Protein backbone atom coordinates (compact mmCIF):
# COMPACT_ATOMS: atom_id res chain seq x y z
CA UNK A 1 -20.19 1.49 13.69
CA UNK A 2 -21.93 -0.80 11.61
CA UNK A 3 -23.47 -3.85 13.29
CA UNK A 4 -22.11 -7.21 11.68
CA UNK A 5 -23.78 -10.64 11.56
CA UNK A 6 -21.11 -12.94 12.66
CA UNK A 7 -21.12 -16.78 12.35
CA UNK A 8 -21.57 -18.27 15.68
CA UNK A 9 -20.27 -21.88 14.88
CA UNK A 10 -16.56 -22.80 14.61
CA UNK A 11 -16.05 -22.72 10.89
CA UNK A 12 -12.34 -22.51 10.62
CA UNK A 13 -10.22 -24.74 8.26
CA UNK A 14 -8.14 -25.81 11.11
CA UNK A 15 -9.41 -27.55 14.18
CA UNK A 16 -9.96 -25.70 17.27
CA UNK A 17 -7.43 -25.89 20.26
CA UNK A 18 -8.52 -26.87 23.60
CA UNK A 19 -5.68 -24.94 24.99
CA UNK A 20 -6.85 -21.58 24.06
CA UNK A 21 -9.93 -19.47 24.56
CA UNK A 22 -11.62 -17.72 21.55
CA UNK A 23 -14.06 -14.92 20.95
CA UNK A 24 -15.18 -12.67 17.99
CA UNK A 25 -14.82 -8.83 18.21
CA UNK A 26 -15.53 -6.05 16.03
CA UNK A 27 -13.94 -2.44 15.81
CA UNK A 28 -14.07 0.37 13.37
CA UNK A 29 -10.91 1.75 11.35
CA UNK A 30 -10.77 5.20 10.50
CA UNK A 31 -12.59 4.87 7.14
CA UNK A 32 -15.73 4.08 9.22
CA UNK A 33 -15.51 0.35 8.06
CA UNK A 34 -16.30 -2.04 10.75
CA UNK A 35 -13.64 -4.93 11.11
CA UNK A 36 -14.47 -8.29 12.22
CA UNK A 37 -11.67 -10.23 14.14
CA UNK A 38 -11.05 -13.67 16.16
CA UNK A 39 -9.23 -13.14 19.32
CA UNK A 40 -7.34 -16.03 20.84
CA UNK A 41 -5.65 -16.26 24.23
CA UNK A 42 -4.20 -19.16 26.44
CA UNK A 43 -7.11 -20.82 28.22
CA UNK A 44 -7.82 -19.58 31.85
CA UNK A 45 -5.29 -17.03 31.75
CA UNK A 46 -6.26 -13.74 33.42
CA UNK A 47 -2.92 -11.79 33.14
CA UNK A 48 -2.20 -8.99 30.52
CA UNK A 49 -0.34 -10.47 27.65
CA UNK A 50 1.78 -9.26 24.85
CA UNK A 51 -0.50 -9.05 21.80
CA UNK A 52 0.06 -9.86 17.93
CA UNK A 53 -2.39 -8.92 15.29
CA UNK A 54 -2.43 -11.30 11.97
CA UNK A 55 -3.75 -10.89 8.62
CA UNK A 56 -3.45 -12.46 5.10
CA UNK A 57 -2.73 -14.01 2.72
CA UNK A 58 -4.31 -11.70 0.16
CA UNK A 59 -7.67 -12.87 -0.90
CA UNK A 60 -7.89 -14.99 2.35
CA UNK A 61 -10.14 -14.70 5.57
CA UNK A 62 -9.41 -15.25 9.03
CA UNK A 63 -10.79 -18.68 9.16
CA UNK A 64 -7.69 -19.77 6.97
CA UNK A 65 -4.06 -18.86 7.53
CA UNK A 66 -3.93 -15.82 9.77
CA UNK A 67 -6.31 -17.81 12.17
CA UNK A 68 -4.04 -20.81 12.12
CA UNK A 69 -1.15 -18.34 12.94
CA UNK A 70 -3.07 -16.63 15.69
CA UNK A 71 -4.35 -19.71 17.23
CA UNK A 72 -0.84 -21.51 17.30
CA UNK A 73 0.88 -18.37 18.85
CA UNK A 74 -1.99 -18.19 21.45
CA UNK A 75 -1.11 -21.55 22.48
CA UNK A 76 2.51 -20.37 22.88
CA UNK A 77 1.45 -17.74 25.42
CA UNK A 78 0.14 -14.46 23.43
CA UNK A 79 -3.03 -12.84 22.98
CA UNK A 80 -3.53 -12.88 19.33
CA UNK A 81 -6.05 -11.43 16.75
CA UNK A 82 -6.83 -12.74 13.17
CA UNK A 83 -8.96 -10.14 11.50
CA UNK A 84 -10.64 -9.93 8.13
CA UNK A 85 -9.69 -6.67 5.92
CA UNK A 86 -12.05 -4.28 4.97
CA UNK A 87 -14.41 -5.29 2.37
CA UNK A 88 -13.52 -8.95 2.89
CA UNK A 89 -14.97 -12.10 4.85
CA UNK A 90 -17.16 -10.95 7.77
CA UNK A 91 -15.61 -7.34 7.91
CA UNK A 92 -17.86 -4.49 6.64
CA UNK A 93 -17.21 -2.33 3.53
CA UNK A 94 -18.77 -2.01 0.06
CA UNK A 95 -18.29 -3.32 -2.57
CA UNK A 96 -17.23 -6.56 -1.67
CA UNK A 97 -13.76 -8.02 -2.16
CA UNK A 98 -12.32 -4.52 -3.03
CA UNK A 99 -8.75 -3.78 -1.83
CA UNK A 100 -6.65 -0.63 -1.16
CA UNK A 101 -2.91 -0.06 -0.07
CA UNK A 102 -4.27 2.77 2.18
CA UNK A 103 -7.39 1.13 3.67
CA UNK A 104 -5.62 -2.00 4.30
CA UNK A 105 -2.65 -0.52 6.03
CA UNK A 106 -5.29 1.44 8.02
CA UNK A 107 -6.84 -1.98 8.93
CA UNK A 108 -3.47 -3.08 10.86
CA UNK A 109 -3.52 0.27 12.64
CA UNK A 110 -7.19 -0.22 13.64
CA UNK A 111 -6.25 -3.73 14.88
CA UNK A 112 -3.50 -2.16 16.83
CA UNK A 113 -6.09 0.38 18.30
CA UNK A 114 -8.18 -2.40 19.65
CA UNK A 115 -5.37 -4.29 21.18
CA UNK A 116 -3.46 -1.43 22.95
CA UNK A 117 -6.76 -0.36 24.56
CA UNK A 118 -7.86 -3.80 25.73
CA UNK A 119 -7.65 -4.69 29.37
CA UNK A 120 -6.47 -7.94 28.45
CA UNK A 121 -3.28 -6.53 26.65
CA UNK A 122 0.13 -5.17 27.70
CA UNK A 123 -0.06 -1.95 25.56
CA UNK A 124 3.45 -1.65 25.35
CA UNK A 125 4.08 -4.99 23.89
CA UNK A 126 2.01 -5.20 20.52
CA UNK A 127 3.46 -6.80 17.33
CA UNK A 128 2.03 -7.81 13.88
CA UNK A 129 2.16 -10.57 11.37
CA UNK A 130 1.40 -10.12 7.76
CA UNK A 131 1.18 -13.19 5.37
CA UNK A 132 1.92 -13.02 1.55
CA UNK A 133 0.17 -9.83 0.31
CA UNK A 134 -0.27 -8.84 3.82
CA UNK A 135 3.30 -9.08 4.60
CA UNK A 136 3.79 -5.88 2.54
CA UNK A 137 1.07 -4.19 4.26
CA UNK A 138 2.53 -5.19 7.57
CA UNK A 139 5.78 -3.61 6.76
CA UNK A 140 3.93 -0.56 5.37
CA UNK A 141 2.17 -0.34 9.02
CA UNK A 142 5.40 -0.77 10.77
CA UNK A 143 6.97 2.06 8.98
CA UNK A 144 4.21 4.40 10.07
CA UNK A 145 2.92 3.09 13.42
CA UNK A 146 5.42 3.44 16.43
CA UNK A 147 3.02 1.61 18.59
CA UNK A 148 4.09 -1.52 16.65
CA UNK A 149 6.95 -3.04 18.60
CA UNK A 150 8.04 -5.85 16.25
CA UNK A 151 6.90 -7.18 12.99
CA UNK A 152 7.01 -10.64 11.16
CA UNK A 153 6.41 -11.09 7.61
CA UNK A 154 5.81 -14.67 6.08
CA UNK A 155 6.30 -15.39 2.38
CA UNK A 156 5.70 -11.60 1.55
CA UNK A 157 4.40 -10.08 -1.49
CA UNK A 158 4.39 -6.30 -2.35
CA UNK A 159 1.03 -6.07 -4.00
CA UNK A 160 1.78 -2.49 -5.33
CA UNK A 161 4.92 -3.61 -6.89
CA UNK A 162 3.58 -6.63 -8.74
CA UNK A 163 0.60 -4.51 -9.95
CA UNK A 164 2.70 -1.83 -11.36
CA UNK A 165 5.63 -3.86 -12.62
CA UNK A 166 4.57 -7.41 -13.15
CA UNK A 167 6.12 -10.64 -11.74
CA UNK A 168 9.87 -10.17 -11.26
CA UNK A 169 9.56 -6.59 -12.74
CA UNK A 170 9.06 -8.03 -16.30
CA UNK A 171 6.42 -5.36 -17.19
CA UNK A 172 8.15 -2.36 -15.54
CA UNK A 173 7.90 -0.08 -18.63
CA UNK A 174 5.54 2.82 -19.48
CA UNK A 175 3.99 1.08 -22.43
CA UNK A 176 3.00 -2.02 -20.32
CA UNK A 177 1.68 0.13 -17.62
CA UNK A 178 -0.31 2.31 -20.02
CA UNK A 179 -1.92 -0.70 -21.70
CA UNK A 180 -2.84 -2.36 -18.50
CA UNK A 181 -4.48 1.13 -17.49
CA UNK A 182 -6.44 1.20 -20.76
CA UNK A 183 -7.75 -2.16 -20.12
CA UNK A 184 -8.60 -1.55 -16.50
CA UNK A 185 -10.38 1.95 -17.42
CA UNK A 186 -12.34 0.15 -20.13
CA UNK A 187 -13.62 -2.41 -17.79
CA UNK A 188 -14.47 0.31 -15.36
CA UNK A 189 -16.82 1.65 -17.89
CA UNK A 190 -18.53 -1.44 -18.54
CA UNK A 191 -18.82 -1.87 -14.71
CA UNK A 192 -20.59 1.41 -14.45
CA UNK A 193 -23.00 0.59 -17.08
CA UNK A 194 -23.96 -2.95 -15.89
CA UNK A 195 -23.93 -1.76 -11.94
CA UNK A 196 -21.59 -4.88 -11.49
CA UNK A 197 -17.80 -5.21 -10.63
CA UNK A 198 -15.90 -7.56 -12.59
CA UNK A 199 -13.33 -9.49 -10.78
CA UNK A 200 -9.38 -9.67 -11.43
CA UNK A 201 -6.91 -12.16 -10.40
CA UNK A 202 -8.17 -15.21 -8.69
CA UNK A 203 -7.29 -18.77 -8.37
CA UNK A 204 -7.76 -21.10 -11.40
CA UNK A 205 -10.56 -23.71 -11.02
CA UNK A 206 -8.49 -26.59 -12.76
CA UNK A 207 -4.91 -26.99 -13.19
CA UNK A 208 -2.98 -28.29 -16.43
CA UNK A 209 0.60 -29.73 -16.58
CA UNK A 210 1.74 -26.70 -18.51
CA UNK A 211 0.87 -24.27 -15.58
CA UNK A 212 3.69 -22.88 -13.35
CA UNK A 213 4.03 -24.54 -10.12
CA UNK A 214 3.00 -21.62 -8.04
CA UNK A 215 -0.31 -21.60 -9.60
CA UNK A 216 -1.03 -25.27 -8.97
CA UNK A 217 0.23 -24.52 -5.37
CA UNK A 218 -2.59 -21.67 -5.19
CA UNK A 219 -5.04 -23.93 -6.42
CA UNK A 220 -4.41 -26.67 -4.04
CA UNK A 221 -4.69 -24.35 -0.96
CA UNK A 222 -7.63 -22.12 -1.95
CA UNK A 223 -9.74 -24.55 -4.01
CA UNK A 224 -9.03 -28.06 -2.83
CA UNK A 225 -10.46 -28.79 0.69
CA UNK A 226 -7.18 -28.13 2.33
CA UNK A 227 -7.87 -24.42 2.46
CA UNK A 228 -11.15 -23.56 0.85
CA UNK A 229 -13.64 -21.27 2.79
CA UNK A 230 -16.68 -19.96 1.12
CA UNK A 231 -16.11 -16.36 2.38
CA UNK A 232 -12.63 -16.17 0.92
CA UNK A 233 -12.20 -14.31 -2.37
CA UNK A 234 -9.26 -16.37 -3.28
CA UNK A 235 -11.51 -19.57 -2.92
CA UNK A 236 -14.14 -18.00 -5.37
CA UNK A 237 -14.04 -15.83 -8.33
CA UNK A 238 -11.06 -13.57 -7.69
CA UNK A 239 -8.93 -11.71 -5.29
CA UNK A 240 -10.20 -8.13 -5.68
CA UNK A 241 -12.31 -5.99 -7.46
CA UNK A 242 -10.83 -5.02 -10.71
CA UNK A 243 -11.23 -1.05 -9.98
CA UNK A 244 -8.22 -1.27 -7.50
CA UNK A 245 -6.10 0.75 -9.86
CA UNK A 246 -4.32 2.62 -6.81
CA UNK A 247 -2.05 -0.20 -6.36
CA UNK A 248 -0.20 0.84 -9.45
CA UNK A 249 0.59 4.40 -8.55
CA UNK A 250 0.59 4.29 -4.72
CA UNK A 251 3.60 2.13 -3.97
CA UNK A 252 3.94 0.80 -0.31
CA UNK A 253 6.99 0.60 2.25
CA UNK A 254 8.44 3.89 0.90
CA UNK A 255 10.29 4.44 4.14
CA UNK A 256 11.05 0.72 5.20
CA UNK A 257 14.83 1.85 5.70
CA UNK A 258 13.28 4.01 8.64
CA UNK A 259 11.61 1.33 10.57
CA UNK A 260 13.36 1.19 14.07
CA UNK A 261 11.68 -1.65 15.48
CA UNK A 262 12.82 -5.51 15.05
CA UNK A 263 11.68 -7.28 11.81
CA UNK A 264 11.58 -10.91 11.18
CA UNK A 265 11.09 -11.96 7.37
CA UNK A 266 10.34 -15.49 6.72
CA UNK A 267 10.41 -16.95 3.11
CA UNK A 268 10.41 -20.18 1.39
CA UNK A 269 13.50 -21.10 -0.54
CA UNK A 270 11.51 -22.28 -3.40
CA UNK A 271 8.92 -19.67 -3.33
CA UNK A 272 8.36 -17.78 -6.57
CA UNK A 273 7.75 -14.77 -4.54
CA UNK A 274 11.14 -14.91 -2.60
CA UNK A 275 12.67 -11.78 -4.34
CA UNK A 276 10.24 -9.47 -2.58
CA UNK A 277 11.37 -10.51 0.82
CA UNK A 278 15.11 -10.37 -0.21
CA UNK A 279 14.74 -6.93 -1.86
CA UNK A 280 12.81 -5.44 1.06
CA UNK A 281 15.18 -7.00 3.46
CA UNK A 282 18.09 -5.16 1.64
CA UNK A 283 16.29 -1.87 2.39
CA UNK A 284 16.07 -2.29 6.02
CA UNK A 285 18.63 -0.94 8.42
CA UNK A 286 19.79 -1.54 11.84
CA UNK A 287 20.90 -5.17 13.60
CA UNK A 288 17.57 -6.22 14.80
CA UNK A 289 16.34 -7.42 11.26
CA UNK A 290 16.56 -11.14 9.99
CA UNK A 291 15.69 -12.88 6.88
CA UNK A 292 15.01 -16.37 7.58
CA UNK A 293 14.84 -18.59 4.48
CA UNK A 294 13.14 -22.02 4.94
CA UNK A 295 14.93 -24.72 2.88
CA UNK A 296 12.74 -26.40 -0.01
CA UNK A 297 9.66 -24.48 0.95
CA UNK A 298 7.47 -23.24 -1.70
CA UNK A 299 5.07 -20.23 -1.23
CA UNK A 300 1.89 -21.90 0.00
CA UNK A 301 3.89 -24.22 2.47
CA UNK A 302 4.01 -21.13 4.78
CA UNK A 303 0.28 -21.07 4.69
CA UNK A 304 -0.76 -24.13 6.30
CA UNK A 305 2.25 -26.61 7.08
CA UNK A 306 2.74 -26.45 10.71
CA UNK A 307 5.90 -28.52 10.25
CA UNK A 308 7.08 -26.08 7.93
CA UNK A 309 6.08 -22.63 9.52
CA UNK A 310 8.77 -21.87 12.13
CA UNK A 311 6.28 -21.11 14.99
CA UNK A 312 9.00 -21.62 17.60
CA UNK A 313 11.26 -18.99 15.93
CA UNK A 314 8.31 -16.71 15.65
CA UNK A 315 7.27 -17.00 19.29
CA UNK A 316 10.91 -16.45 20.29
CA UNK A 317 11.17 -13.55 18.25
CA UNK A 318 8.21 -11.80 19.98
CA UNK A 319 9.28 -12.85 23.45
CA UNK A 320 12.60 -11.08 22.85
CA UNK A 321 11.25 -7.98 21.28
CA UNK A 322 7.91 -7.27 22.84
């Protein structure tokens, strides 16, 4: 396993709680990539606890949203983990800021590997949380990993769907996909010639009045002091390396209708991405699934607004199902 150099000081975008203990850990995934994570638990607690692994949003690091979720839920009695995906933040993997629907699903499973083998965890009581683009990865992991006993998605994105079909499926046709593939493969050729990887996506550095509200929301979180972190791809030049073409042809959540464990999906009423959660929720079966729509909330409200994120509901869901 690759030895990572981890930051010693507290460098989260949220304040440290005096009510939880915190430590950094590393573990390998099955692609040989070393994952870096923060583990939180109630202070002075020696009991085995139910555990929750958290990740997301896409282009974020554990010092941002997933860490806030993890620390808050640790205050509520859980052992929690916020981890950096492969190629991102303090985790290993080259090139940097790459992404993969397969490897990133494996990252969740590797987090579960760590938790269920920890002496601090009740191995039969492990759940996961995925925020934004990692909401889709969380559902994907839940559909294949029976060790995951309960799953929460928050303001979920399906990254494979949006790459293949565009926003609101507006580019869901062969011609549009072909033109996108031509452009991506042209860029691959240039990248190989120069030995550098061009970035795709990302957050705008400056906003104008004519931009969609959700673009402004992303800017306010990632670029402004609110959620900026220097290790976050979303806070810098892009969300992922432009070569992540497998998102086009490897759709995730193919068997979500076969998930037998409880699912809680949370989304903002005014979030541009609400259709992702609504559509995926319709595919789920059984009576232990819930879609909770937060009135008036936009997409990024569920990143950081502790008075909007329904932490009591999330804790109750895990207490009932883990």
